């Protein structure tokens, strides 16, 4: 294993306990138990395991049922919806090549997400939203239809809505306004600027910051973090992606949350203990656990 692929070292533990509000344990090396033990050793005692398709959402629900400190979110990722409707001849997603299933296939998948969302250890519906980075114009209708359906599911079951918003800020905010956002709405891997953070704050939307807020080119994210109300701020890994500096490009995992927490505390100009305590309370409030 080259140093570039090696897992980063354990950071100095946080003095308080904190939650990883968004992770993908099913995409990480090692067992769930190993990941949880390693995370707990540095103060990351709770994780929200997020599904991106039907199979991953079932796995998230099962994993949350088996582990007291794991909560599940279930959904069809914005890029999954067009793959279901239009097919995926390149097999880019983890399921390999797929044929077009049309709107009926999307309805079937949403029915299963709805069933999973009713389970008690499923605390969120997500990650859903819009992604104009990977999906071209032909996939936008399927994405938006799926997003609207997830908003309705979240509201009907009283669950948090977890949003994936990539290069689609205005449309995400528009759809939330048109549908009426659930009581608890989380912008996962917050990617907007300070002006958007003010809009989110006015609406009471949570903003979850990931390791990319440490990247050199991420000043707009740091500006957003600086103005976001403390009671609406969360932290996440989105592991195995978005590993914080100085480990960018190496595999991410929940145990690296302290690296991001310390970078966030520096941006806010507050003690890491004060930030960690707020993050713990906020995550429990956002996901109602």
C-alpha atoms as a PDB file:
ATOM      1  CA  UNK A   1       0.000   0.000   0.000  1.00  0.00           C
ATOM      2  CA  UNK A   2       1.464   3.328  -1.010  1.00  0.00           C
ATOM      3  CA  UNK A   3       1.396   6.134   1.579  1.00  0.00           C
ATOM      4  CA  UNK A   4      -1.210   7.852  -0.625  1.00  0.00           C
ATOM      5  CA  UNK A   5      -3.652   4.952  -0.122  1.00  0.00           C
ATOM      6  CA  UNK A   6      -2.830   4.348   3.544  1.00  0.00           C
ATOM      7  CA  UNK A   7      -5.425   5.356   6.127  1.00  0.00           C
ATOM      8  CA  UNK A   8      -4.388   8.595   7.876  1.00  0.00           C
ATOM      9  CA  UNK A   9      -3.211   8.299  11.506  1.00  0.00           C
ATOM     10  CA  UNK A  10      -5.547   8.611  14.496  1.00  0.00           C
ATOM     11  CA  UNK A  11      -5.950  12.277  15.440  1.00  0.00           C
ATOM     12  CA  UNK A  12      -5.686  13.570  18.982  1.00  0.00           C
ATOM     13  CA  UNK A  13      -9.025  12.619  20.656  1.00  0.00           C
ATOM     14  CA  UNK A  14     -11.652  15.280  21.243  1.00  0.00           C
ATOM     15  CA  UNK A  15     -12.357  15.916  24.932  1.00  0.00           C
ATOM     16  CA  UNK A  16     -16.112  15.632  24.369  1.00  0.00           C
ATOM     17  CA  UNK A  17     -18.277  13.296  22.306  1.00  0.00           C
ATOM     18  CA  UNK A  18     -19.421  14.239  18.831  1.00  0.00           C
ATOM     19  CA  UNK A  19     -21.354  12.681  15.934  1.00  0.00           C
ATOM     20  CA  UNK A  20     -20.453  12.105  12.294  1.00  0.00           C
ATOM     21  CA  UNK A  21     -23.686  13.342  10.700  1.00  0.00           C
ATOM     22  CA  UNK A  22     -23.082  11.681   7.308  1.00  0.00           C
ATOM     23  CA  UNK A  23     -20.980   8.640   6.466  1.00  0.00           C
ATOM     24  CA  UNK A  24     -20.987   5.657   4.104  1.00  0.00           C
ATOM     25  CA  UNK A  25     -19.621   2.717   6.123  1.00  0.00           C
ATOM     26  CA  UNK A  26     -20.609   0.331   3.315  1.00  0.00           C
ATOM     27  CA  UNK A  27     -18.023   1.988   1.044  1.00  0.00           C
ATOM     28  CA  UNK A  28     -15.179   1.870   3.592  1.00  0.00           C
ATOM     29  CA  UNK A  29     -12.607  -0.849   4.257  1.00  0.00           C
ATOM     30  CA  UNK A  30     -12.915  -3.027   7.351  1.00  0.00           C
ATOM     31  CA  UNK A  31     -15.967  -3.974   9.395  1.00  0.00           C
ATOM     32  CA  UNK A  32     -18.605  -1.679  10.851  1.00  0.00           C
ATOM     33  CA  UNK A  33     -17.460  -2.712  14.334  1.00  0.00           C
ATOM     34  CA  UNK A  34     -13.854  -1.732  13.593  1.00  0.00           C
ATOM     35  CA  UNK A  35     -14.942   1.648  12.225  1.00  0.00           C
ATOM     36  CA  UNK A  36     -17.114   2.371  15.282  1.00  0.00           C
ATOM     37  CA  UNK A  37     -14.423   1.365  17.795  1.00  0.00           C
ATOM     38  CA  UNK A  38     -11.790   3.470  16.036  1.00  0.00           C
ATOM     39  CA  UNK A  39     -14.152   6.460  15.872  1.00  0.00           C
ATOM     40  CA  UNK A  40     -15.182   6.142  19.533  1.00  0.00           C
ATOM     41  CA  UNK A  41     -11.511   6.093  20.571  1.00  0.00           C
ATOM     42  CA  UNK A  42     -11.215   9.748  19.448  1.00  0.00           C
ATOM     43  CA  UNK A  43     -14.630  10.899  20.707  1.00  0.00           C
ATOM     44  CA  UNK A  44     -16.813  10.192  17.654  1.00  0.00           C
ATOM     45  CA  UNK A  45     -19.462   8.088  19.365  1.00  0.00           C
ATOM     46  CA  UNK A  46     -22.413   8.344  16.962  1.00  0.00           C
ATOM     47  CA  UNK A  47     -22.683   8.068  13.172  1.00  0.00           C
ATOM     48  CA  UNK A  48     -25.456   8.598  10.656  1.00  0.00           C
ATOM     49  CA  UNK A  49     -25.160   5.921   7.957  1.00  0.00           C
ATOM     50  CA  UNK A  50     -26.557   7.182   4.672  1.00  0.00           C
ATOM     51  CA  UNK A  51     -28.043   5.147   1.830  1.00  0.00           C
ATOM     52  CA  UNK A  52     -27.729   6.159  -1.830  1.00  0.00           C
ATOM     53  CA  UNK A  53     -29.871   3.502  -3.520  1.00  0.00           C
ATOM     54  CA  UNK A  54     -32.370   0.799  -2.533  1.00  0.00           C
ATOM     55  CA  UNK A  55     -29.710  -1.775  -1.655  1.00  0.00           C
ATOM     56  CA  UNK A  56     -27.593   0.707   0.319  1.00  0.00           C
ATOM     57  CA  UNK A  57     -30.657   2.051   2.121  1.00  0.00           C
ATOM     58  CA  UNK A  58     -31.680  -1.453   3.218  1.00  0.00           C
ATOM     59  CA  UNK A  59     -28.119  -1.994   4.462  1.00  0.00           C
ATOM     60  CA  UNK A  60     -28.207   1.323   6.355  1.00  0.00           C
ATOM     61  CA  UNK A  61     -31.466   0.361   8.068  1.00  0.00           C
ATOM     62  CA  UNK A  62     -30.144  -3.107   9.009  1.00  0.00           C
ATOM     63  CA  UNK A  63     -26.876  -1.648  10.322  1.00  0.00           C
ATOM     64  CA  UNK A  64     -28.699   0.935  12.434  1.00  0.00           C
ATOM     65  CA  UNK A  65     -30.957  -1.805  13.826  1.00  0.00           C
ATOM     66  CA  UNK A  66     -27.872  -3.796  14.874  1.00  0.00           C
ATOM     67  CA  UNK A  67     -25.846  -0.922  16.412  1.00  0.00           C
ATOM     68  CA  UNK A  68     -27.129   1.434  19.073  1.00  0.00           C
ATOM     69  CA  UNK A  69     -24.864   4.311  17.982  1.00  0.00           C
ATOM     70  CA  UNK A  70     -25.674   4.085  14.272  1.00  0.00           C
ATOM     71  CA  UNK A  71     -28.675   5.937  12.852  1.00  0.00           C
ATOM     72  CA  UNK A  72     -29.815   5.426   9.265  1.00  0.00           C
ATOM     73  CA  UNK A  73     -30.890   7.727   6.453  1.00  0.00           C
ATOM     74  CA  UNK A  74     -32.477   6.143   3.383  1.00  0.00           C
ATOM     75  CA  UNK A  75     -32.915   7.496  -0.140  1.00  0.00           C
ATOM     76  CA  UNK A  76     -32.184   7.373  -3.816  1.00  0.00           C
ATOM     77  CA  UNK A  77     -29.206   9.651  -4.466  1.00  0.00           C
ATOM     78  CA  UNK A  78     -29.968  12.380  -7.045  1.00  0.00           C
ATOM     79  CA  UNK A  79     -27.735  10.574  -9.546  1.00  0.00           C
ATOM     80  CA  UNK A  80     -29.513   7.275  -8.872  1.00  0.00           C
ATOM     81  CA  UNK A  81     -32.947   8.518 -10.014  1.00  0.00           C
ATOM     82  CA  UNK A  82     -31.965   9.127 -13.673  1.00  0.00           C
ATOM     83  CA  UNK A  83     -30.066   5.827 -13.740  1.00  0.00           C
ATOM     84  CA  UNK A  84     -33.249   3.997 -12.721  1.00  0.00           C
ATOM     85  CA  UNK A  85     -35.407   5.848 -15.263  1.00  0.00           C
ATOM     86  CA  UNK A  86     -32.984   6.191 -18.208  1.00  0.00           C
ATOM     87  CA  UNK A  87     -30.615   3.289 -17.567  1.00  0.00           C
ATOM     88  CA  UNK A  88     -26.886   3.274 -16.934  1.00  0.00           C
ATOM     89  CA  UNK A  89     -25.162   1.670 -19.937  1.00  0.00           C
ATOM     90  CA  UNK A  90     -21.681   2.590 -18.657  1.00  0.00           C
ATOM     91  CA  UNK A  91     -22.294   0.893 -15.336  1.00  0.00           C
ATOM     92  CA  UNK A  92     -20.839   3.903 -13.508  1.00  0.00           C
ATOM     93  CA  UNK A  93     -22.734   3.182 -10.300  1.00  0.00           C
ATOM     94  CA  UNK A  94     -21.946   0.267  -8.030  1.00  0.00           C
ATOM     95  CA  UNK A  95     -24.643  -1.914  -9.603  1.00  0.00           C
ATOM     96  CA  UNK A  96     -22.984  -2.161 -13.002  1.00  0.00           C
ATOM     97  CA  UNK A  97     -24.739  -1.587 -16.329  1.00  0.00           C
ATOM     98  CA  UNK A  98     -28.502  -1.150 -16.127  1.00  0.00           C
ATOM     99  CA  UNK A  99     -31.313  -0.862 -18.646  1.00  0.00           C
ATOM    100  CA  UNK A 100     -33.863   1.952 -18.588  1.00  0.00           C
ATOM    101  CA  UNK A 101     -36.736   1.185 -16.216  1.00  0.00           C
ATOM    102  CA  UNK A 102     -38.836   4.264 -16.868  1.00  0.00           C
ATOM    103  CA  UNK A 103     -41.031   6.059 -14.347  1.00  0.00           C
ATOM    104  CA  UNK A 104     -42.520   2.786 -13.118  1.00  0.00           C
ATOM    105  CA  UNK A 105     -39.128   1.584 -11.890  1.00  0.00           C
ATOM    106  CA  UNK A 106     -38.589   4.896 -10.079  1.00  0.00           C
ATOM    107  CA  UNK A 107     -42.010   4.549  -8.423  1.00  0.00           C
ATOM    108  CA  UNK A 108     -41.108   1.022  -7.255  1.00  0.00           C
ATOM    109  CA  UNK A 109     -37.803   2.222  -5.797  1.00  0.00           C
ATOM    110  CA  UNK A 110     -39.516   5.151  -4.032  1.00  0.00           C
ATOM    111  CA  UNK A 111     -42.095   2.749  -2.556  1.00  0.00           C
ATOM    112  CA  UNK A 112     -39.255   0.775  -0.954  1.00  0.00           C
ATOM    113  CA  UNK A 113     -37.622   3.973   0.390  1.00  0.00           C
ATOM    114  CA  UNK A 114     -41.010   4.919   1.853  1.00  0.00           C
ATOM    115  CA  UNK A 115     -41.248   1.521   3.578  1.00  0.00           C
ATOM    116  CA  UNK A 116     -37.744   1.868   5.041  1.00  0.00           C
ATOM    117  CA  UNK A 117     -38.370   5.478   6.138  1.00  0.00           C
ATOM    118  CA  UNK A 118     -41.112   4.248   8.477  1.00  0.00           C
ATOM    119  CA  UNK A 119     -38.654   2.141  10.526  1.00  0.00           C
ATOM    120  CA  UNK A 120     -37.822   3.539  13.984  1.00  0.00           C
ATOM    121  CA  UNK A 121     -34.023   3.464  13.625  1.00  0.00           C
ATOM    122  CA  UNK A 122     -34.200   5.276  10.303  1.00  0.00           C
ATOM    123  CA  UNK A 123     -33.817   8.926  11.338  1.00  0.00           C
ATOM    124  CA  UNK A 124     -33.481  10.611   7.984  1.00  0.00           C
ATOM    125  CA  UNK A 125     -34.615  10.556   4.368  1.00  0.00           C
ATOM    126  CA  UNK A 126     -31.558  11.256   2.240  1.00  0.00           C
ATOM    127  CA  UNK A 127     -29.333  11.810   0.599  1.00  0.00           C
ATOM    128  CA  UNK A 128     -31.708  13.311  -1.924  1.00  0.00           C
ATOM    129  CA  UNK A 129     -31.695  16.577  -3.843  1.00  0.00           C
ATOM    130  CA  UNK A 130     -30.215  17.713  -7.144  1.00  0.00           C
ATOM    131  CA  UNK A 131     -26.830  17.135  -8.755  1.00  0.00           C
ATOM    132  CA  UNK A 132     -26.093  19.010 -11.972  1.00  0.00           C
ATOM    133  CA  UNK A 133     -22.425  18.019 -11.898  1.00  0.00           C
ATOM    134  CA  UNK A 134     -22.862  14.367 -12.870  1.00  0.00           C
ATOM    135  CA  UNK A 135     -26.299  14.330 -14.469  1.00  0.00           C
ATOM    136  CA  UNK A 136     -26.934  16.184 -17.713  1.00  0.00           C
ATOM    137  CA  UNK A 137     -30.138  18.028 -18.696  1.00  0.00           C
ATOM    138  CA  UNK A 138     -31.793  14.758 -19.761  1.00  0.00           C
ATOM    139  CA  UNK A 139     -31.750  13.534 -16.152  1.00  0.00           C
ATOM    140  CA  UNK A 140     -33.078  16.670 -14.456  1.00  0.00           C
ATOM    141  CA  UNK A 141     -36.768  15.739 -14.606  1.00  0.00           C
ATOM    142  CA  UNK A 142     -36.154  12.365 -12.923  1.00  0.00           C
ATOM    143  CA  UNK A 143     -33.991  14.022 -10.259  1.00  0.00           C
ATOM    144  CA  UNK A 144     -36.584  16.644  -9.438  1.00  0.00           C
ATOM    145  CA  UNK A 145     -39.461  14.145  -9.350  1.00  0.00           C
ATOM    146  CA  UNK A 146     -37.453  11.936  -7.008  1.00  0.00           C
ATOM    147  CA  UNK A 147     -36.467  14.909  -4.793  1.00  0.00           C
ATOM    148  CA  UNK A 148     -40.098  16.025  -4.438  1.00  0.00           C
ATOM    149  CA  UNK A 149     -41.147  12.470  -3.537  1.00  0.00           C
ATOM    150  CA  UNK A 150     -38.441  12.254  -0.852  1.00  0.00           C
ATOM    151  CA  UNK A 151     -39.589  15.559   0.677  1.00  0.00           C
ATOM    152  CA  UNK A 152     -43.128  14.170   0.934  1.00  0.00           C
ATOM    153  CA  UNK A 153     -41.850  10.901   2.469  1.00  0.00           C
ATOM    154  CA  UNK A 154     -39.752  12.774   5.049  1.00  0.00           C
ATOM    155  CA  UNK A 155     -42.691  14.954   6.079  1.00  0.00           C
ATOM    156  CA  UNK A 156     -45.186  12.082   6.273  1.00  0.00           C
ATOM    157  CA  UNK A 157     -42.874  10.030   8.522  1.00  0.00           C
ATOM    158  CA  UNK A 158     -41.578  13.002  10.532  1.00  0.00           C
ATOM    159  CA  UNK A 159     -37.962  12.308   9.561  1.00  0.00           C
ATOM    160  CA  UNK A 160     -35.070  14.663   8.784  1.00  0.00           C
ATOM    161  CA  UNK A 161     -34.479  15.478   5.119  1.00  0.00           C
ATOM    162  CA  UNK A 162     -30.813  15.107   4.083  1.00  0.00           C
ATOM    163  CA  UNK A 163     -29.966  17.111   0.992  1.00  0.00           C
ATOM    164  CA  UNK A 164     -27.265  16.528  -1.610  1.00  0.00           C
ATOM    165  CA  UNK A 165     -26.853  19.792  -3.528  1.00  0.00           C
ATOM    166  CA  UNK A 166     -24.157  19.910  -6.169  1.00  0.00           C
ATOM    167  CA  UNK A 167     -24.075  22.901  -8.520  1.00  0.00           C
ATOM    168  CA  UNK A 168     -27.858  23.204  -8.090  1.00  0.00           C
ATOM    169  CA  UNK A 169     -28.317  25.696  -5.230  1.00  0.00           C
ATOM    170  CA  UNK A 170     -31.099  27.817  -6.715  1.00  0.00           C
ATOM    171  CA  UNK A 171     -33.205  24.848  -7.825  1.00  0.00           C
ATOM    172  CA  UNK A 172     -32.775  23.007  -4.516  1.00  0.00           C
ATOM    173  CA  UNK A 173     -33.950  26.082  -2.601  1.00  0.00           C
ATOM    174  CA  UNK A 174     -36.830  26.558  -5.075  1.00  0.00           C
ATOM    175  CA  UNK A 175     -38.089  22.976  -4.732  1.00  0.00           C
ATOM    176  CA  UNK A 176     -37.882  23.172  -0.920  1.00  0.00           C
ATOM    177  CA  UNK A 177     -39.936  26.348  -1.005  1.00  0.00           C
ATOM    178  CA  UNK A 178     -42.498  24.946  -3.447  1.00  0.00           C
ATOM    179  CA  UNK A 179     -42.971  21.683  -1.543  1.00  0.00           C
ATOM    180  CA  UNK A 180     -42.540  23.096   1.950  1.00  0.00           C
ATOM    181  CA  UNK A 181     -39.417  21.795   3.707  1.00  0.00           C
ATOM    182  CA  UNK A 182     -39.703  19.239   6.510  1.00  0.00           C
ATOM    183  CA  UNK A 183     -39.306  20.532  10.051  1.00  0.00           C
ATOM    184  CA  UNK A 184     -35.689  19.299  10.092  1.00  0.00           C
ATOM    185  CA  UNK A 185     -33.703  19.770   6.873  1.00  0.00           C
ATOM    186  CA  UNK A 186     -29.943  19.167   6.593  1.00  0.00           C
ATOM    187  CA  UNK A 187     -27.707  20.403   3.779  1.00  0.00           C
ATOM    188  CA  UNK A 188     -25.149  17.585   3.756  1.00  0.00           C
ATOM    189  CA  UNK A 189     -21.623  18.542   2.694  1.00  0.00           C
ATOM    190  CA  UNK A 190     -22.724  22.152   2.583  1.00  0.00           C
ATOM    191  CA  UNK A 191     -21.445  23.605  -0.679  1.00  0.00           C
ATOM    192  CA  UNK A 192     -22.975  27.072  -0.838  1.00  0.00           C
ATOM    193  CA  UNK A 193     -21.450  30.444  -0.023  1.00  0.00           C
ATOM    194  CA  UNK A 194     -22.075  32.893   2.822  1.00  0.00           C
ATOM    195  CA  UNK A 195     -25.105  34.460   1.071  1.00  0.00           C
ATOM    196  CA  UNK A 196     -26.749  31.034   0.756  1.00  0.00           C
ATOM    197  CA  UNK A 197     -25.875  30.270   4.394  1.00  0.00           C
ATOM    198  CA  UNK A 198     -27.948  33.315   5.363  1.00  0.00           C
ATOM    199  CA  UNK A 199     -30.916  31.971   3.355  1.00  0.00           C
ATOM    200  CA  UNK A 200     -30.525  28.549   5.040  1.00  0.00           C
ATOM    201  CA  UNK A 201     -30.328  30.243   8.450  1.00  0.00           C
ATOM    202  CA  UNK A 202     -33.552  32.182   7.834  1.00  0.00           C
ATOM    203  CA  UNK A 203     -35.290  28.907   6.974  1.00  0.00           C
ATOM    204  CA  UNK A 204     -33.795  27.009   9.914  1.00  0.00           C
ATOM    205  CA  UNK A 205     -31.940  24.555   7.664  1.00  0.00           C
ATOM    206  CA  UNK A 206     -28.959  22.747   9.216  1.00  0.00           C
ATOM    207  CA  UNK A 207     -25.620  23.098   7.404  1.00  0.00           C
ATOM    208  CA  UNK A 208     -23.255  20.141   7.705  1.00  0.00           C
ATOM    209  CA  UNK A 209     -19.590  20.805   6.943  1.00  0.00           C
ATOM    210  CA  UNK A 210     -17.228  18.118   5.652  1.00  0.00           C
ATOM    211  CA  UNK A 211     -13.460  17.779   5.236  1.00  0.00           C
ATOM    212  CA  UNK A 212     -13.514  19.833   2.036  1.00  0.00           C
ATOM    213  CA  UNK A 213     -13.872  22.996   4.172  1.00  0.00           C
ATOM    214  CA  UNK A 214     -10.147  22.496   4.944  1.00  0.00           C
ATOM    215  CA  UNK A 215      -9.103  22.564   1.269  1.00  0.00           C
ATOM    216  CA  UNK A 216      -7.047  25.545   0.067  1.00  0.00           C
ATOM    217  CA  UNK A 217      -9.631  26.559  -2.551  1.00  0.00           C
ATOM    218  CA  UNK A 218     -12.566  26.354  -0.087  1.00  0.00           C
ATOM    219  CA  UNK A 219     -12.630  29.934   1.199  1.00  0.00           C
ATOM    220  CA  UNK A 220     -16.348  30.312   0.262  1.00  0.00           C
ATOM    221  CA  UNK A 221     -17.136  27.353   2.569  1.00  0.00           C
ATOM    222  CA  UNK A 222     -15.144  28.902   5.402  1.00  0.00           C
ATOM    223  CA  UNK A 223     -16.961  32.199   4.821  1.00  0.00           C
ATOM    224  CA  UNK A 224     -20.289  30.338   5.029  1.00  0.00           C
ATOM    225  CA  UNK A 225     -19.232  28.557   8.221  1.00  0.00           C
ATOM    226  CA  UNK A 226     -18.236  31.906   9.736  1.00  0.00           C
ATOM    227  CA  UNK A 227     -21.766  33.324   9.317  1.00  0.00           C
ATOM    228  CA  UNK A 228     -23.891  30.192   9.919  1.00  0.00           C
ATOM    229  CA  UNK A 229     -25.695  30.277  13.298  1.00  0.00           C
ATOM    230  CA  UNK A 230     -23.856  27.915  15.652  1.00  0.00           C
ATOM    231  CA  UNK A 231     -27.086  26.057  16.505  1.00  0.00           C
ATOM    232  CA  UNK A 232     -27.515  25.074  12.829  1.00  0.00           C
ATOM    233  CA  UNK A 233     -23.985  23.732  12.214  1.00  0.00           C
ATOM    234  CA  UNK A 234     -23.161  20.008  11.913  1.00  0.00           C
ATOM    235  CA  UNK A 235     -19.976  18.107  11.026  1.00  0.00           C
ATOM    236  CA  UNK A 236     -19.583  15.047   8.804  1.00  0.00           C
ATOM    237  CA  UNK A 237     -17.021  12.976   6.958  1.00  0.00           C
ATOM    238  CA  UNK A 238     -18.975  11.819   3.866  1.00  0.00           C
ATOM    239  CA  UNK A 239     -16.397   9.036   4.198  1.00  0.00           C
ATOM    240  CA  UNK A 240     -14.699   7.502   2.298  1.00  0.00           C
ATOM    241  CA  UNK A 241     -14.748  10.810   0.376  1.00  0.00           C
ATOM    242  CA  UNK A 242     -13.594  14.374   1.170  1.00  0.00           C
ATOM    243  CA  UNK A 243     -10.762  13.514   3.540  1.00  0.00           C
ATOM    244  CA  UNK A 244      -9.637  16.693   5.318  1.00  0.00           C
ATOM    245  CA  UNK A 245      -6.248  18.312   4.754  1.00  0.00           C
ATOM    246  CA  UNK A 246      -3.464  17.356   5.204  1.00  0.00           C
ATOM    247  CA  UNK A 247      -4.756  13.890   4.209  1.00  0.00           C
ATOM    248  CA  UNK A 248      -6.710  14.873   1.096  1.00  0.00           C
ATOM    249  CA  UNK A 249      -6.841  12.004  -1.398  1.00  0.00           C
ATOM    250  CA  UNK A 250      -6.455   9.285   1.251  1.00  0.00           C
ATOM    251  CA  UNK A 251      -9.407   7.220   2.518  1.00  0.00           C
ATOM    252  CA  UNK A 252     -11.719   9.047   4.922  1.00  0.00           C
ATOM    253  CA  UNK A 253     -13.490   7.472   7.913  1.00  0.00           C
ATOM    254  CA  UNK A 254     -15.492   8.682  10.935  1.00  0.00           C
ATOM    255  CA  UNK A 255     -12.383   8.694  13.175  1.00  0.00           C
ATOM    256  CA  UNK A 256     -11.080  11.716  11.233  1.00  0.00           C
ATOM    257  CA  UNK A 257     -13.927  13.983  12.414  1.00  0.00           C
ATOM    258  CA  UNK A 258     -11.623  15.668  15.025  1.00  0.00           C
ATOM    259  CA  UNK A 259      -9.431  17.041  12.194  1.00  0.00           C
ATOM    260  CA  UNK A 260     -12.424  18.822  10.667  1.00  0.00           C
ATOM    261  CA  UNK A 261     -13.814  19.925  14.047  1.00  0.00           C
ATOM    262  CA  UNK A 262     -10.499  21.647  14.862  1.00  0.00           C
ATOM    263  CA  UNK A 263     -10.423  23.383  11.463  1.00  0.00           C
ATOM    264  CA  UNK A 264     -14.031  24.519  11.984  1.00  0.00           C
ATOM    265  CA  UNK A 265     -13.257  25.831  15.497  1.00  0.00           C
ATOM    266  CA  UNK A 266     -10.383  27.877  14.055  1.00  0.00           C
ATOM    267  CA  UNK A 267     -12.713  29.433  11.453  1.00  0.00           C
ATOM    268  CA  UNK A 268     -15.286  30.267  14.135  1.00  0.00           C
ATOM    269  CA  UNK A 269     -12.647  31.525  16.556  1.00  0.00           C
ATOM    270  CA  UNK A 270     -13.980  29.358  19.389  1.00  0.00           C
ATOM    271  CA  UNK A 271     -12.586  26.576  21.592  1.00  0.00           C
ATOM    272  CA  UNK A 272     -12.889  23.134  20.030  1.00  0.00           C
ATOM    273  CA  UNK A 273     -14.699  21.881  23.186  1.00  0.00           C
ATOM    274  CA  UNK A 274     -17.419  24.527  22.793  1.00  0.00           C
ATOM    275  CA  UNK A 275     -17.864  23.662  19.113  1.00  0.00           C
ATOM    276  CA  UNK A 276     -17.872  19.895  19.775  1.00  0.00           C
ATOM    277  CA  UNK A 277     -20.547  20.273  22.475  1.00  0.00           C
ATOM    278  CA  UNK A 278     -22.719  22.334  20.102  1.00  0.00           C
ATOM    279  CA  UNK A 279     -22.229  19.849  17.252  1.00  0.00           C
ATOM    280  CA  UNK A 280     -23.303  16.935  19.464  1.00  0.00           C
ATOM    281  CA  UNK A 281     -26.499  18.706  20.551  1.00  0.00           C
ATOM    282  CA  UNK A 282     -27.272  19.922  17.034  1.00  0.00           C
ATOM    283  CA  UNK A 283     -26.880  16.481  15.426  1.00  0.00           C
ATOM    284  CA  UNK A 284     -29.150  14.857  18.013  1.00  0.00           C
ATOM    285  CA  UNK A 285     -31.707  17.605  17.393  1.00  0.00           C
ATOM    286  CA  UNK A 286     -31.442  17.366  13.597  1.00  0.00           C
ATOM    287  CA  UNK A 287     -31.948  13.590  13.563  1.00  0.00           C
ATOM    288  CA  UNK A 288     -34.217  13.400  16.621  1.00  0.00           C
ATOM    289  CA  UNK A 289     -32.278  10.771  18.584  1.00  0.00           C
END
